[in-house]
């Protein structure tokens, strides 16, 4: 950035992208945190009173689960991952046909309405089967619009300097930390599941409203308008031609027979094949496959394997009650957030270094490490890392590497293409991120079976 370009005053644009990143994942994290609430609402209404269903806190491990309760986690995962993958893919190809404002604002408003309905249903009795169907429809909607929002947001961040993908990743990481803290606070308070769930949903609604307000403010900031493709021609008209010559390779001119003008030499030309989705993918495929691999490894063992680790030093104590919420969920989310945020001050190795994909491949070592911890029940593998300290150390490095490497890949991807291709590159990277999540969910089944 040169001295003549607009400055990000008070880091306003950075903070807005952080809030948008937080708004992207916080709703879904709170939705997952309330899983026990949803399964309790699916209990047999003949065995559980109306009042207790509303309280949603009386389904214990000793009661026989209904069919809907037993299939809820698997169906929830399916209804979450498939729409996430499908709509992220569609967004990669259709983002040029649908205005950015419609994709981002429309998705935020839709997710807000879903959570408002979810909050209202906490206070209304619904039979288990209709409640199950309604919940799955909401999960599909949340992840469909969430995929469009995430892909559009990474595409938007790709137009700005490399460091502005970091606040999006950091905000997403903080979302998980909030959810983990909420889970621990709920356990400590001894509150009813329905009360905790209602608090989650209302908090998600407030966060989404904050994200909507922040996005509306974004186009009013000079720093964002300078880097936004639609406003670069306006800056040129106001005397910033010399600055644009150093910052912009191509300016897309709307309504002028589909031509593009090169501000350096004034020559116009038609878009070539390399601006296609496939052409852009050829330039960023290594970063795309890397971010896919990072999340495939992460979701492959977290939480399917890590959730089943049992403490060996605090059985029948308070530590046993908090072991998984603290050592698994809170530790992962805090250090994942730290890893994502670390890219704000350090971006090593560089975007053209082969050391980055090597580090991604090396990260697969965490799969056998967690499998050899005290995972219960188990049939095939021995327990090699017995003490809780092993598990906690593995979790720290596992989480930091996930956040740091994924954030590096998401930052570097859009910077390996021309400026006018950056938004498309960002959406492609978001698709491969979602592909990694889906692959990890599939791999979690054989990983757990091997143990």
Protein backbone atom coordinates (compact mmCIF):
# COMPACT_ATOMS: atom_id res chain seq x y z
CA UNK A 1 0.00 0.00 0.00
CA UNK A 2 1.43 3.42 -0.94
CA UNK A 3 1.16 6.66 0.95
CA UNK A 4 -1.44 8.10 -1.48
CA UNK A 5 -3.96 5.29 -1.07
CA UNK A 6 -6.80 5.54 1.49
CA UNK A 7 -5.91 4.25 4.95
CA UNK A 8 -8.00 1.84 6.98
CA UNK A 9 -8.80 4.40 9.66
CA UNK A 10 -9.23 2.93 13.13
CA UNK A 11 -8.95 -0.51 11.50
CA UNK A 12 -12.67 -0.19 10.70
CA UNK A 13 -12.61 -2.43 7.62
CA UNK A 14 -10.56 -5.04 9.50
CA UNK A 15 -13.08 -5.05 12.35
CA UNK A 16 -16.03 -5.33 9.96
CA UNK A 17 -14.52 -8.40 8.30
CA UNK A 18 -13.86 -9.84 11.77
CA UNK A 19 -17.52 -9.33 12.72
CA UNK A 20 -18.68 -10.85 9.42
CA UNK A 21 -16.44 -13.87 10.03
CA UNK A 22 -17.89 -14.19 13.52
CA UNK A 23 -21.42 -13.93 12.13
CA UNK A 24 -20.68 -16.65 9.58
CA UNK A 25 -20.01 -19.47 12.07
CA UNK A 26 -21.32 -18.34 15.46
CA UNK A 27 -24.97 -19.20 14.63
CA UNK A 28 -24.11 -22.73 13.54
CA UNK A 29 -21.76 -23.26 16.50
CA UNK A 30 -24.54 -22.33 18.90
CA UNK A 31 -26.91 -24.60 16.99
CA UNK A 32 -24.52 -27.54 17.50
CA UNK A 33 -24.02 -26.59 21.15
CA UNK A 34 -27.77 -27.06 21.64
CA UNK A 35 -27.75 -30.64 20.29
CA UNK A 36 -28.81 -32.08 23.67
CA UNK A 37 -31.79 -29.71 23.68
CA UNK A 38 -32.92 -30.92 20.26
CA UNK A 39 -32.56 -34.60 21.11
CA UNK A 40 -34.46 -34.10 24.36
CA UNK A 41 -37.37 -32.61 22.40
CA UNK A 42 -37.47 -35.82 20.34
CA UNK A 43 -38.26 -38.04 23.35
CA UNK A 44 -41.44 -40.12 23.53
CA UNK A 45 -44.25 -37.66 24.42
CA UNK A 46 -46.14 -40.49 26.18
CA UNK A 47 -43.28 -40.93 28.65
CA UNK A 48 -42.32 -37.28 29.07
CA UNK A 49 -44.80 -34.67 30.20
CA UNK A 50 -45.60 -31.52 28.31
CA UNK A 51 -43.90 -29.39 30.95
CA UNK A 52 -40.75 -31.47 30.90
CA UNK A 53 -40.57 -31.35 27.12
CA UNK A 54 -40.64 -27.60 27.32
CA UNK A 55 -37.94 -27.70 29.98
CA UNK A 56 -36.03 -30.13 27.76
CA UNK A 57 -33.85 -31.23 30.58
CA UNK A 58 -35.15 -34.58 31.77
CA UNK A 59 -33.84 -36.98 29.16
CA UNK A 60 -31.09 -38.86 30.89
CA UNK A 61 -28.66 -41.47 29.75
CA UNK A 62 -30.62 -44.13 31.60
CA UNK A 63 -33.77 -43.61 29.54
CA UNK A 64 -34.19 -45.54 26.33
CA UNK A 65 -33.65 -43.30 23.32
CA UNK A 66 -36.33 -43.14 20.65
CA UNK A 67 -35.55 -43.82 17.01
CA UNK A 68 -35.53 -40.10 16.20
CA UNK A 69 -33.09 -39.42 19.04
CA UNK A 70 -30.74 -42.18 17.90
CA UNK A 71 -30.56 -40.98 14.28
CA UNK A 72 -30.49 -37.24 15.04
CA UNK A 73 -26.64 -36.77 15.08
CA UNK A 74 -26.08 -38.63 11.80
CA UNK A 75 -28.98 -36.98 9.99
CA UNK A 76 -27.92 -33.57 11.33
CA UNK A 77 -24.40 -34.08 9.94
CA UNK A 78 -25.80 -35.16 6.57
CA UNK A 79 -28.22 -32.22 6.40
CA UNK A 80 -25.37 -29.86 7.30
CA UNK A 81 -22.52 -31.07 5.09
CA UNK A 82 -24.35 -31.78 1.84
CA UNK A 83 -25.98 -28.32 1.47
CA UNK A 84 -22.74 -26.69 2.60
CA UNK A 85 -20.80 -28.44 -0.15
CA UNK A 86 -23.46 -28.06 -2.86
CA UNK A 87 -24.15 -24.36 -2.31
CA UNK A 88 -20.48 -23.48 -1.93
CA UNK A 89 -19.93 -25.13 -5.31
CA UNK A 90 -22.88 -23.27 -6.85
CA UNK A 91 -21.61 -20.00 -5.41
CA UNK A 92 -18.25 -20.57 -7.14
CA UNK A 93 -19.98 -20.60 -10.52
CA UNK A 94 -22.94 -18.25 -9.98
CA UNK A 95 -21.40 -15.44 -7.92
CA UNK A 96 -20.84 -13.37 -11.08
CA UNK A 97 -24.55 -13.58 -11.95
CA UNK A 98 -25.94 -12.59 -8.54
CA UNK A 99 -24.89 -9.25 -7.01
CA UNK A 100 -22.63 -9.45 -4.00
CA UNK A 101 -25.03 -7.40 -1.85
CA UNK A 102 -27.87 -9.81 -2.57
CA UNK A 103 -25.77 -12.86 -1.70
CA UNK A 104 -24.36 -11.51 1.57
CA UNK A 105 -27.29 -9.49 2.92
CA UNK A 106 -29.84 -12.04 1.71
CA UNK A 107 -27.97 -14.88 3.44
CA UNK A 108 -27.63 -12.96 6.71
CA UNK A 109 -31.32 -12.05 6.76
CA UNK A 110 -32.36 -15.63 5.96
CA UNK A 111 -30.18 -17.07 8.76
CA UNK A 112 -31.55 -14.44 11.15
CA UNK A 113 -35.14 -15.46 10.36
CA UNK A 114 -34.30 -19.16 10.88
CA UNK A 115 -32.90 -18.43 14.35
CA UNK A 116 -35.85 -16.25 15.27
CA UNK A 117 -38.16 -19.15 14.43
CA UNK A 118 -35.91 -21.51 16.39
CA UNK A 119 -36.06 -19.21 19.43
CA UNK A 120 -39.86 -19.07 19.27
CA UNK A 121 -40.16 -22.86 19.00
CA UNK A 122 -38.30 -23.25 22.31
CA UNK A 123 -41.48 -22.00 24.01
CA UNK A 124 -43.94 -23.97 21.87
CA UNK A 125 -44.73 -27.67 22.20
CA UNK A 126 -44.39 -29.61 18.94
CA UNK A 127 -44.76 -33.37 18.47
CA UNK A 128 -41.40 -35.17 18.00
CA UNK A 129 -41.77 -36.10 14.32
CA UNK A 130 -42.83 -32.62 13.10
CA UNK A 131 -40.16 -31.09 15.34
CA UNK A 132 -37.53 -33.41 13.81
CA UNK A 133 -38.58 -32.47 10.26
CA UNK A 134 -38.67 -28.74 11.05
CA UNK A 135 -35.24 -28.93 12.70
CA UNK A 136 -33.68 -30.69 9.71
CA UNK A 137 -35.17 -28.14 7.32
CA UNK A 138 -33.66 -25.37 9.44
CA UNK A 139 -30.28 -27.11 9.39
CA UNK A 140 -30.42 -27.35 5.60
CA UNK A 141 -31.35 -23.65 5.32
CA UNK A 142 -28.68 -22.48 7.77
CA UNK A 143 -25.91 -24.34 5.98
CA UNK A 144 -27.15 -23.48 2.48
CA UNK A 145 -27.21 -19.76 3.17
CA UNK A 146 -24.09 -20.10 5.33
CA UNK A 147 -22.23 -21.59 2.37
CA UNK A 148 -23.26 -18.69 0.12
CA UNK A 149 -22.30 -16.20 2.83
CA UNK A 150 -18.92 -17.80 3.51
CA UNK A 151 -18.00 -18.12 -0.15
CA UNK A 152 -19.07 -14.54 -0.90
CA UNK A 153 -17.20 -13.22 2.13
CA UNK A 154 -13.93 -14.91 1.19
CA UNK A 155 -14.41 -13.65 -2.37
CA UNK A 156 -14.92 -10.13 -1.05
CA UNK A 157 -11.86 -10.38 1.20
CA UNK A 158 -9.86 -11.55 -1.82
CA UNK A 159 -10.24 -8.08 -3.36
CA UNK A 160 -8.40 -6.48 -0.46
CA UNK A 161 -4.75 -6.87 0.65
CA UNK A 162 -3.70 -10.35 1.77
CA UNK A 163 -3.96 -9.55 5.48
CA UNK A 164 -7.72 -8.91 5.22
CA UNK A 165 -8.57 -12.60 4.92
CA UNK A 166 -7.10 -13.01 8.42
CA UNK A 167 -9.95 -11.23 10.28
CA UNK A 168 -12.50 -13.47 8.56
CA UNK A 169 -10.65 -16.61 9.66
CA UNK A 170 -10.04 -15.14 13.12
CA UNK A 171 -13.71 -14.26 13.54
CA UNK A 172 -14.72 -17.79 12.57
CA UNK A 173 -12.25 -19.18 15.10
CA UNK A 174 -13.62 -16.99 17.87
CA UNK A 175 -17.12 -18.26 17.10
CA UNK A 176 -16.15 -21.73 18.23
CA UNK A 177 -14.56 -20.34 21.39
CA UNK A 178 -17.77 -18.50 22.28
CA UNK A 179 -19.79 -21.68 21.82
CA UNK A 180 -17.39 -23.73 23.97
CA UNK A 181 -17.48 -21.13 26.76
CA UNK A 182 -21.27 -21.07 26.58
CA UNK A 183 -21.32 -24.86 27.02
CA UNK A 184 -19.05 -24.67 30.08
CA UNK A 185 -21.10 -21.85 31.62
CA UNK A 186 -24.29 -23.85 31.10
CA UNK A 187 -22.78 -26.85 32.92
CA UNK A 188 -21.54 -24.65 35.76
CA UNK A 189 -24.90 -22.89 36.21
CA UNK A 190 -26.93 -26.10 36.18
CA UNK A 191 -29.56 -24.33 34.03
CA UNK A 192 -32.21 -26.24 32.07
CA UNK A 193 -31.34 -27.21 28.51
CA UNK A 194 -34.19 -25.14 27.10
CA UNK A 195 -33.02 -22.02 28.93
CA UNK A 196 -29.46 -22.52 27.69
CA UNK A 197 -30.65 -23.17 24.13
CA UNK A 198 -32.85 -20.06 24.14
CA UNK A 199 -29.82 -18.03 25.23
CA UNK A 200 -27.74 -19.52 22.40
CA UNK A 201 -30.36 -18.69 19.76
CA UNK A 202 -30.95 -15.11 20.96
CA UNK A 203 -27.19 -14.49 21.08
CA UNK A 204 -26.93 -15.77 17.50
CA UNK A 205 -29.71 -13.38 16.42
CA UNK A 206 -27.92 -10.40 17.99
CA UNK A 207 -24.64 -11.38 16.32
CA UNK A 208 -26.31 -11.63 12.91
CA UNK A 209 -27.92 -8.20 13.35
CA UNK A 210 -24.48 -6.79 14.21
CA UNK A 211 -23.04 -8.41 11.07
CA UNK A 212 -25.84 -6.94 8.93
CA UNK A 213 -25.19 -3.46 10.30
CA UNK A 214 -21.45 -3.81 9.77
CA UNK A 215 -21.85 -4.93 6.16
CA UNK A 216 -24.15 -2.01 5.41
CA UNK A 217 -21.44 0.36 6.69
CA UNK A 218 -18.67 -1.27 4.63
CA UNK A 219 -19.26 0.46 1.23
CA UNK A 220 -19.10 3.87 2.96
CA UNK A 221 -15.45 3.40 3.94
CA UNK A 222 -12.90 4.85 1.49
CA UNK A 223 -10.39 2.06 2.09
CA UNK A 224 -12.87 -0.61 1.03
CA UNK A 225 -14.14 1.44 -1.92
CA UNK A 226 -10.59 1.89 -3.17
CA UNK A 227 -10.04 -1.85 -3.42
CA UNK A 228 -13.59 -2.71 -4.49
CA UNK A 229 -13.66 -3.43 -8.22
CA UNK A 230 -16.87 -1.49 -8.87
CA UNK A 231 -15.46 1.75 -7.48
CA UNK A 232 -11.96 1.76 -8.96
CA UNK A 233 -13.13 3.57 -12.07
CA UNK A 234 -14.65 6.24 -9.82
CA UNK A 235 -11.32 6.82 -8.09
CA UNK A 236 -9.66 7.13 -11.46
CA UNK A 237 -12.18 9.83 -12.44
CA UNK A 238 -11.25 11.76 -9.27
CA UNK A 239 -7.60 12.07 -10.14
CA UNK A 240 -6.16 8.83 -8.77
CA UNK A 241 -5.07 7.53 -12.17
CA UNK A 242 -1.37 7.41 -11.27
CA UNK A 243 -2.09 5.45 -8.11
CA UNK A 244 -4.32 3.02 -9.94
CA UNK A 245 -1.60 2.35 -12.49
CA UNK A 246 0.51 0.87 -9.73
CA UNK A 247 -2.30 -1.02 -7.98
CA UNK A 248 -4.60 -2.34 -10.69
CA UNK A 249 -3.82 -4.64 -13.60
CA UNK A 250 -7.30 -4.70 -15.15
CA UNK A 251 -10.44 -2.62 -14.62
CA UNK A 252 -13.73 -4.16 -15.62
CA UNK A 253 -15.84 -1.57 -17.47
CA UNK A 254 -19.56 -2.28 -17.15
CA UNK A 255 -21.84 -1.53 -20.05
CA UNK A 256 -19.11 -1.07 -22.64
CA UNK A 257 -19.58 -4.11 -24.86
CA UNK A 258 -17.99 -6.41 -22.28
CA UNK A 259 -14.49 -4.98 -22.91
CA UNK A 260 -11.80 -4.65 -20.25
CA UNK A 261 -9.38 -1.73 -20.17
CA UNK A 262 -5.77 -2.11 -19.08
CA UNK A 263 -4.97 1.14 -17.22
CA UNK A 264 -1.25 0.78 -17.85
CA UNK A 265 -1.26 0.94 -21.62
CA UNK A 266 -4.88 1.78 -22.39
CA UNK A 267 -5.37 -1.30 -24.55
CA UNK A 268 -8.72 -3.04 -24.46
CA UNK A 269 -9.32 -6.70 -24.95
CA UNK A 270 -11.99 -9.31 -24.42
CA UNK A 271 -11.85 -11.66 -21.43
CA UNK A 272 -9.81 -14.77 -22.20
CA UNK A 273 -10.28 -18.36 -21.14
CA UNK A 274 -7.94 -17.97 -18.17
CA UNK A 275 -10.61 -15.85 -16.42
CA UNK A 276 -12.91 -18.87 -16.31
CA UNK A 277 -13.42 -20.80 -13.11
CA UNK A 278 -11.33 -23.70 -14.44
CA UNK A 279 -8.55 -21.37 -15.57
CA UNK A 280 -8.41 -19.69 -12.18
CA UNK A 281 -8.43 -23.07 -10.42
CA UNK A 282 -5.32 -24.10 -12.36
CA UNK A 283 -3.48 -21.19 -10.75
CA UNK A 284 -4.57 -21.87 -7.18
CA UNK A 285 -5.06 -25.65 -7.13
CA UNK A 286 -2.21 -26.25 -4.67
CA UNK A 287 -3.66 -23.81 -2.12
CA UNK A 288 -7.16 -25.21 -2.70
CA UNK A 289 -6.10 -28.83 -2.17
CA UNK A 290 -4.06 -27.79 0.87
CA UNK A 291 -6.96 -26.10 2.67
CA UNK A 292 -9.15 -29.09 1.78
CA UNK A 293 -6.58 -31.45 3.35
CA UNK A 294 -6.27 -29.34 6.50
CA UNK A 295 -9.99 -29.54 7.26
CA UNK A 296 -10.33 -33.17 6.15
CA UNK A 297 -7.76 -34.17 8.78
CA UNK A 298 -9.33 -31.91 11.41
CA UNK A 299 -12.94 -33.02 11.00
CA UNK A 300 -11.81 -36.64 10.55
CA UNK A 301 -10.80 -36.82 14.22
CA UNK A 302 -12.49 -33.79 15.79
CA UNK A 303 -14.87 -34.34 17.43
CA UNK A 304 -15.66 -37.96 16.40
CA UNK A 305 -12.46 -39.35 17.98
CA UNK A 306 -11.36 -36.59 20.37
CA UNK A 307 -14.79 -36.47 22.02
CA UNK A 308 -14.46 -40.11 23.15
CA UNK A 309 -11.18 -39.66 25.05
CA UNK A 310 -11.60 -40.34 28.78
CA UNK A 311 -9.60 -38.80 31.60
CA UNK A 312 -7.22 -41.10 33.48
CA UNK A 313 -6.43 -38.82 36.43
CA UNK A 314 -9.80 -37.55 37.60
CA UNK A 315 -12.46 -40.24 37.48
CA UNK A 316 -15.59 -39.47 39.53
CA UNK A 317 -14.45 -35.89 40.13
CA UNK A 318 -15.41 -32.43 38.90
CA UNK A 319 -12.51 -32.67 36.42
CA UNK A 320 -14.21 -35.64 34.74
CA UNK A 321 -17.32 -33.52 34.18
CA UNK A 322 -15.33 -30.69 32.61
CA UNK A 323 -12.59 -32.75 30.90
CA UNK A 324 -14.12 -32.87 27.41
CA UNK A 325 -15.71 -29.37 27.43
CA UNK A 326 -12.37 -27.84 28.50
CA UNK A 327 -9.67 -30.14 27.04
CA UNK A 328 -11.46 -30.88 23.78
CA UNK A 329 -13.81 -28.05 22.79
CA UNK A 330 -12.41 -25.02 24.60
CA UNK A 331 -8.74 -25.92 24.02
CA UNK A 332 -9.32 -26.58 20.34
CA UNK A 333 -11.28 -23.40 19.69
CA UNK A 334 -8.97 -21.12 21.67
CA UNK A 335 -5.79 -22.37 19.99
CA UNK A 336 -7.45 -22.61 16.58
CA UNK A 337 -8.37 -18.96 16.98
CA UNK A 338 -4.79 -18.19 18.05
CA UNK A 339 -3.47 -19.94 14.95
CA UNK A 340 -5.81 -18.03 12.65
CA UNK A 341 -4.93 -14.72 14.31
CA UNK A 342 -1.18 -15.44 14.11
CA UNK A 343 -1.28 -14.82 10.36
CA UNK A 344 -1.89 -11.13 11.13
CA UNK A 345 1.74 -10.82 12.28
CA UNK A 346 3.46 -13.74 10.52
CA UNK A 347 2.80 -15.27 7.10
CA UNK A 348 5.51 -17.90 6.77
CA UNK A 349 6.14 -19.80 4.53
CA UNK A 350 5.33 -17.71 1.47
CA UNK A 351 2.58 -18.35 -1.08
CA UNK A 352 5.01 -19.90 -3.60
CA UNK A 353 6.84 -22.10 -1.11
CA UNK A 354 6.41 -25.87 -1.28
CA UNK A 355 7.05 -25.99 2.46
CA UNK A 356 3.41 -25.00 3.08
CA UNK A 357 1.84 -28.10 1.42
CA UNK A 358 4.53 -30.24 3.08
CA UNK A 359 3.44 -28.91 6.49
CA UNK A 360 -0.16 -29.71 5.56
CA UNK A 361 0.77 -33.31 4.71
CA UNK A 362 2.84 -33.63 7.89
CA UNK A 363 -0.25 -32.73 9.90
CA UNK A 364 -1.81 -36.15 9.18
CA UNK A 365 0.34 -37.48 12.05
CA UNK A 366 -2.38 -36.26 14.43
CA UNK A 367 -4.75 -39.00 13.20
CA UNK A 368 -2.81 -41.92 14.74
CA UNK A 369 -1.75 -39.81 17.75
CA UNK A 370 -5.35 -39.21 18.83
CA UNK A 371 -6.32 -42.81 18.02
CA UNK A 372 -3.66 -44.02 20.48
CA UNK A 373 -4.97 -41.81 23.30
CA UNK A 374 -7.42 -43.13 25.88
CA UNK A 375 -10.40 -43.34 23.49
CA UNK A 376 -13.24 -45.43 24.88
CA UNK A 377 -14.72 -47.82 23.95
CA UNK A 378 -12.08 -49.43 21.74
CA UNK A 379 -11.64 -52.87 20.16
CA UNK A 380 -8.49 -53.00 18.06
CA UNK A 381 -5.78 -50.49 18.96
CA UNK A 382 -3.88 -50.30 22.27
CA UNK A 383 -3.76 -47.17 24.43
CA UNK A 384 -0.25 -45.77 24.09
CA UNK A 385 -0.71 -42.18 25.33
CA UNK A 386 -2.45 -42.80 28.65
CA UNK A 387 -1.97 -39.59 30.63
CA UNK A 388 -4.30 -36.60 30.06
CA UNK A 389 -1.26 -34.38 29.42
CA UNK A 390 -0.51 -36.16 26.12
CA UNK A 391 -4.02 -35.51 24.88
CA UNK A 392 -3.90 -31.83 25.87
CA UNK A 393 -0.50 -31.27 24.21
CA UNK A 394 -1.66 -32.96 21.01
CA UNK A 395 -4.82 -30.84 21.04
CA UNK A 396 -2.85 -27.59 21.37
CA UNK A 397 -0.60 -28.27 18.37
CA UNK A 398 -3.48 -29.82 16.42
CA UNK A 399 -5.59 -26.67 16.87
CA UNK A 400 -2.83 -24.12 16.23
CA UNK A 401 -1.74 -25.89 13.04
CA UNK A 402 -5.35 -26.08 11.83
CA UNK A 403 -5.98 -22.37 12.29
CA UNK A 404 -2.59 -21.18 11.02
CA UNK A 405 -2.26 -23.37 7.93
CA UNK A 406 -5.90 -22.98 6.88
CA UNK A 407 -5.68 -19.21 7.26
CA UNK A 408 -2.45 -19.06 5.23
CA UNK A 409 -4.03 -21.05 2.40
CA UNK A 410 -7.17 -18.87 2.39
CA UNK A 411 -5.02 -15.70 2.36
CA UNK A 412 -2.65 -16.84 -0.39
CA UNK A 413 -5.21 -18.36 -2.79
CA UNK A 414 -6.71 -15.11 -4.13
CA UNK A 415 -3.25 -13.53 -4.34
CA UNK A 416 -1.99 -16.07 -6.88
CA UNK A 417 -4.31 -14.68 -9.57
CA UNK A 418 -4.95 -11.34 -11.29
CA UNK A 419 -6.89 -8.72 -9.28
CA UNK A 420 -10.04 -9.10 -11.40
CA UNK A 421 -9.96 -12.87 -10.71
CA UNK A 422 -9.54 -12.54 -6.95
CA UNK A 423 -13.23 -12.79 -6.02
CA UNK A 424 -13.68 -15.97 -8.07
CA UNK A 425 -10.51 -17.40 -6.51
CA UNK A 426 -11.89 -16.65 -3.05
CA UNK A 427 -15.12 -18.51 -3.74
CA UNK A 428 -13.19 -21.49 -5.14
CA UNK A 429 -11.10 -21.59 -1.97
CA UNK A 430 -14.29 -21.51 0.11
CA UNK A 431 -15.62 -24.46 -1.90
CA UNK A 432 -12.52 -26.54 -1.18
CA UNK A 433 -12.74 -25.57 2.48
CA UNK A 434 -16.28 -26.96 2.52
CA UNK A 435 -15.13 -30.02 0.57
CA UNK A 436 -12.56 -30.67 3.28
CA UNK A 437 -15.27 -30.46 5.95
CA UNK A 438 -17.42 -32.96 4.05
CA UNK A 439 -14.53 -35.37 3.44
CA UNK A 440 -13.56 -35.15 7.09
CA UNK A 441 -17.11 -36.01 8.15
CA UNK A 442 -17.03 -39.11 5.92
CA UNK A 443 -13.56 -40.16 7.10
CA UNK A 444 -14.58 -39.85 10.76
CA UNK A 445 -16.63 -43.07 10.51
CA UNK A 446 -13.75 -45.40 9.46
CA UNK A 447 -11.32 -43.60 11.82
CA UNK A 448 -13.58 -44.30 14.77
CA UNK A 449 -14.25 -47.88 13.61
CA UNK A 450 -10.53 -48.68 13.43
CA UNK A 451 -10.12 -47.87 17.11
